Protein backbone atom coordinates (compact mmCIF):
# COMPACT_ATOMS: atom_id res chain seq x y z
CA UNK A 1 0.02 0.01 -0.01
CA UNK A 2 2.70 2.12 1.14
CA UNK A 3 4.51 1.50 -2.45
CA UNK A 4 1.25 2.74 -4.49
CA UNK A 5 1.34 5.79 -2.48
CA UNK A 6 4.62 6.64 -3.14
CA UNK A 7 3.59 5.68 -7.02
CA UNK A 8 1.29 8.32 -7.08
CA UNK A 9 2.71 11.11 -5.50
CA UNK A 10 5.54 10.49 -7.74
CA UNK A 11 3.57 11.10 -10.60
CA UNK A 12 1.91 13.53 -9.81
CA UNK A 13 4.86 15.27 -9.42
CA UNK A 14 6.51 14.29 -12.72
CA UNK A 15 2.54 15.20 -14.21
CA UNK A 16 2.91 18.68 -12.36
CA UNK A 17 6.07 19.50 -13.97
CA UNK A 18 5.25 18.48 -17.08
CA UNK A 19 2.49 20.77 -17.12
CA UNK A 20 4.67 23.71 -15.62
CA UNK A 21 7.13 23.13 -18.67
CA UNK A 22 4.48 23.25 -21.01
CA UNK A 23 3.27 26.72 -19.61
CA UNK A 24 6.95 27.80 -19.95
CA UNK A 25 7.42 26.66 -23.37
CA UNK A 26 4.50 28.35 -24.26
CA UNK A 27 5.55 31.43 -22.82
CA UNK A 28 9.10 31.98 -25.13
CA UNK A 29 6.79 30.93 -27.90
CA UNK A 30 4.47 33.90 -28.43
CA UNK A 31 4.22 36.45 -24.84
CA UNK A 32 1.93 38.28 -26.14
CA UNK A 33 -1.48 36.47 -25.25
CA UNK A 34 -2.99 36.50 -21.92
CA UNK A 35 -5.63 34.06 -20.46
CA UNK A 36 -6.30 34.38 -17.15
CA UNK A 37 -2.72 35.75 -16.17
CA UNK A 38 -1.37 33.04 -17.72
CA UNK A 39 0.46 33.97 -20.89
CA UNK A 40 0.15 31.30 -23.68
CA UNK A 41 0.55 30.89 -27.10
CA UNK A 42 -1.50 31.93 -30.14
CA UNK A 43 -2.63 27.65 -30.95
CA UNK A 44 -3.39 27.18 -27.46
CA UNK A 45 -6.95 28.42 -27.58
CA UNK A 46 -9.51 27.60 -29.96
CA UNK A 47 -11.36 29.63 -32.21
CA UNK A 48 -14.62 28.76 -31.35
CA UNK A 49 -14.52 30.19 -27.84
CA UNK A 50 -14.24 33.93 -29.33
CA UNK A 51 -17.56 35.24 -29.91
CA UNK A 52 -16.37 39.40 -28.94
CA UNK A 53 -13.63 41.12 -30.83
CA UNK A 54 -12.38 44.56 -29.04
CA UNK A 55 -9.51 46.81 -30.75
CA UNK A 56 -8.60 49.77 -29.62
CA UNK A 57 -5.43 52.13 -29.62
CA UNK A 58 -3.55 52.20 -32.64
CA UNK A 59 -3.66 48.28 -34.45
CA UNK A 60 -4.36 46.95 -37.50
CA UNK A 61 -6.70 44.24 -37.82
CA UNK A 62 -7.42 41.55 -40.73
CA UNK A 63 -10.65 39.50 -39.93
CA UNK A 64 -10.00 36.53 -41.61
CA UNK A 65 -12.89 33.33 -41.17
CA UNK A 66 -11.83 30.30 -41.02
CA UNK A 67 -12.97 27.85 -38.18
CA UNK A 68 -10.27 24.65 -39.70
CA UNK A 69 -6.91 27.44 -38.57
CA UNK A 70 -4.61 26.06 -36.32
CA UNK A 71 -4.18 29.63 -34.96
CA UNK A 72 -6.61 32.43 -33.08
CA UNK A 73 -3.67 35.38 -34.96
CA UNK A 74 -0.31 35.63 -36.38
CA UNK A 75 1.27 38.82 -35.04
CA UNK A 76 2.21 40.56 -38.46
CA UNK A 77 6.29 40.65 -37.38
CA UNK A 78 5.44 43.81 -35.29
CA UNK A 79 5.33 43.21 -31.36
CA UNK A 80 3.97 46.88 -30.30
CA UNK A 81 0.08 44.90 -30.28
CA UNK A 82 -1.24 43.18 -27.21
CA UNK A 83 -4.36 40.75 -27.56
CA UNK A 84 -5.99 39.08 -24.54
CA UNK A 85 -8.34 37.21 -23.90
CA UNK A 86 -11.22 37.76 -21.11
CA UNK A 87 -13.88 35.19 -20.91
CA UNK A 88 -15.61 34.88 -24.94
CA UNK A 89 -13.94 38.22 -25.31
CA UNK A 90 -10.61 38.80 -27.79
CA UNK A 91 -9.11 42.38 -26.70
CA UNK A 92 -6.68 43.18 -29.00
CA UNK A 93 -4.69 46.44 -28.09
CA UNK A 94 -1.45 48.83 -29.55
CA UNK A 95 1.49 49.13 -26.74
CA UNK A 96 2.75 52.19 -25.44
CA UNK A 97 0.67 53.96 -28.65
CA UNK A 98 3.15 52.15 -30.82
CA UNK A 99 1.72 50.80 -34.48
CA UNK A 100 0.56 47.46 -34.38
CA UNK A 101 -0.55 45.25 -37.54
CA UNK A 102 -1.74 41.46 -36.40
CA UNK A 103 -4.82 38.74 -37.81
CA UNK A 104 -7.17 37.32 -35.97
CA UNK A 105 -8.70 34.37 -37.05
CA UNK A 106 -12.76 34.03 -36.28
CA UNK A 107 -15.14 31.36 -36.55
CA UNK A 108 -18.73 32.65 -34.98
CA UNK A 109 -18.64 36.22 -33.88
CA UNK A 110 -20.74 38.60 -33.31
CA UNK A 111 -19.95 41.72 -31.84
CA UNK A 112 -16.73 43.86 -32.93
CA UNK A 113 -16.02 46.93 -31.31
CA UNK A 114 -13.27 49.36 -32.53
CA UNK A 115 -11.75 52.57 -30.74
CA UNK A 116 -8.96 55.23 -30.78
CA UNK A 117 -6.94 55.24 -33.95
CA UNK A 118 -7.86 51.19 -34.76
CA UNK A 119 -8.45 50.15 -38.22
CA UNK A 120 -10.66 46.78 -38.84
CA UNK A 121 -10.93 45.04 -42.28
CA UNK A 122 -12.29 41.60 -43.25
CA UNK A 123 -10.35 40.06 -46.30
CA UNK A 124 -13.70 38.35 -47.18
CA UNK A 125 -16.90 37.84 -46.72
CA UNK A 126 -17.47 37.30 -43.24
CA UNK A 127 -21.23 34.94 -43.21
CA UNK A 128 -22.82 35.26 -39.57
CA UNK A 129 -26.13 34.83 -38.47
CA UNK A 130 -25.83 38.06 -36.04
CA UNK A 131 -23.61 40.87 -35.73
CA UNK A 132 -22.87 43.84 -33.73
CA UNK A 133 -20.37 46.17 -34.79
CA UNK A 134 -19.56 49.56 -32.41
CA UNK A 135 -17.53 52.25 -33.60
CA UNK A 136 -16.01 54.99 -32.02
CA UNK A 137 -13.33 58.14 -31.82
CA UNK A 138 -11.57 57.68 -35.26
CA UNK A 139 -11.55 54.36 -35.60
CA UNK A 140 -12.38 52.68 -39.02
CA UNK A 141 -14.15 49.66 -39.97
CA UNK A 142 -14.65 48.07 -43.50
CA UNK A 143 -16.71 44.89 -43.54
CA UNK A 144 -18.38 43.00 -46.20
CA UNK A 145 -20.96 40.60 -43.98
CA UNK A 146 -23.90 38.21 -44.46
CA UNK A 147 -25.75 38.57 -42.32
CA UNK A 148 -29.13 37.48 -41.20
CA UNK A 149 -29.32 41.17 -38.57
CA UNK A 150 -26.30 43.55 -38.25
CA UNK A 151 -26.66 46.16 -35.54
CA UNK A 152 -24.19 49.26 -36.35
CA UNK A 153 -22.98 51.86 -34.23
CA UNK A 154 -21.34 54.43 -35.41
CA UNK A 155 -19.87 57.42 -32.92
CA UNK A 156 -17.01 60.23 -33.39
CA UNK A 157 -14.93 61.02 -35.74
CA UNK A 158 -15.17 57.19 -36.17
CA UNK A 159 -16.17 55.61 -40.28
CA UNK A 160 -17.66 52.10 -41.33
CA UNK A 161 -17.85 50.86 -44.29
CA UNK A 162 -20.22 47.99 -45.41
CA UNK A 163 -20.99 45.59 -48.21
CA UNK A 164 -22.88 42.77 -48.07
CA UNK A 165 -26.61 41.58 -47.27
CA UNK A 166 -28.94 41.73 -44.16
CA UNK A 167 -32.17 41.17 -43.54
CA UNK A 168 -32.28 43.74 -40.87
CA UNK A 169 -30.15 46.76 -40.58
CA UNK A 170 -30.22 48.49 -37.81
CA UNK A 171 -27.87 51.75 -37.34
CA UNK A 172 -27.31 54.24 -34.96
CA UNK A 173 -24.86 56.94 -35.90
CA UNK A 174 -24.20 60.92 -34.64
CA UNK A 175 -23.49 64.03 -36.93
CA UNK A 176 -19.08 63.55 -36.78
CA UNK A 177 -19.09 59.71 -37.95
CA UNK A 178 -19.63 58.44 -41.65
CA UNK A 179 -20.97 55.21 -43.09
CA UNK A 180 -20.18 54.56 -46.81
CA UNK A 181 -22.30 51.07 -48.29
CA UNK A 182 -20.89 49.45 -51.73
CA UNK A 183 -22.74 46.58 -53.05
CA UNK A 184 -24.75 46.53 -49.50
CA UNK A 185 -28.49 45.28 -49.15
CA UNK A 186 -30.82 45.57 -46.88
CA UNK A 187 -34.50 43.69 -46.60
CA UNK A 188 -35.61 46.40 -43.67
CA UNK A 189 -33.57 49.57 -42.57
CA UNK A 190 -34.33 51.08 -38.75
CA UNK A 191 -32.56 53.94 -38.23
CA UNK A 192 -32.21 55.32 -34.45
CA UNK A 193 -31.01 58.51 -35.24
CA UNK A 194 -30.68 61.04 -37.36
CA UNK A 195 -28.71 59.17 -40.52
CA UNK A 196 -25.64 60.63 -42.84
CA UNK A 197 -25.09 57.31 -45.80
CA UNK A 198 -22.42 58.24 -48.63
CA UNK A 199 -22.92 55.83 -51.14
CA UNK A 200 -19.34 56.11 -53.15
């Protein structure tokens, strides 16, 4: 019986050592993703676990919808970007106000927020059931999306460019913001405020 207990304890210590080594190794691979205050590599996060994206600061984000991607993001040769996961939300920001660039891989997100001087664009059409887009400050967002329902809030000196289709489009904006529609169609549109729309 004593031998069995010693064996179990020894096995436990070995497992703990392996786990610690794995986390440490991942820290060296990519030290800019934080999950529950533990830094891990981009490949340690399941894409399907992310459904909200928050981008702030002086950072350029390219969104690619690919449920089979092996990584959550790629840092495009730039260490000036911070990427943190909190629950089902992914927070992307620039470090110390420096310009940064990153590509984010998503599966089925339903909310995108952009603020500061952020630039967010999808490199191809996003196919989503529902999508909410919040743009503020001087952020610029360009999306091509096919949705059942689309809600956009555009505030400050921000800009939103839309392509694609939706069943219901709800728009809220203020006088200093701008929405551009290019090959965008909605079956029904609801306006929550005075709207300025340019077609160029």
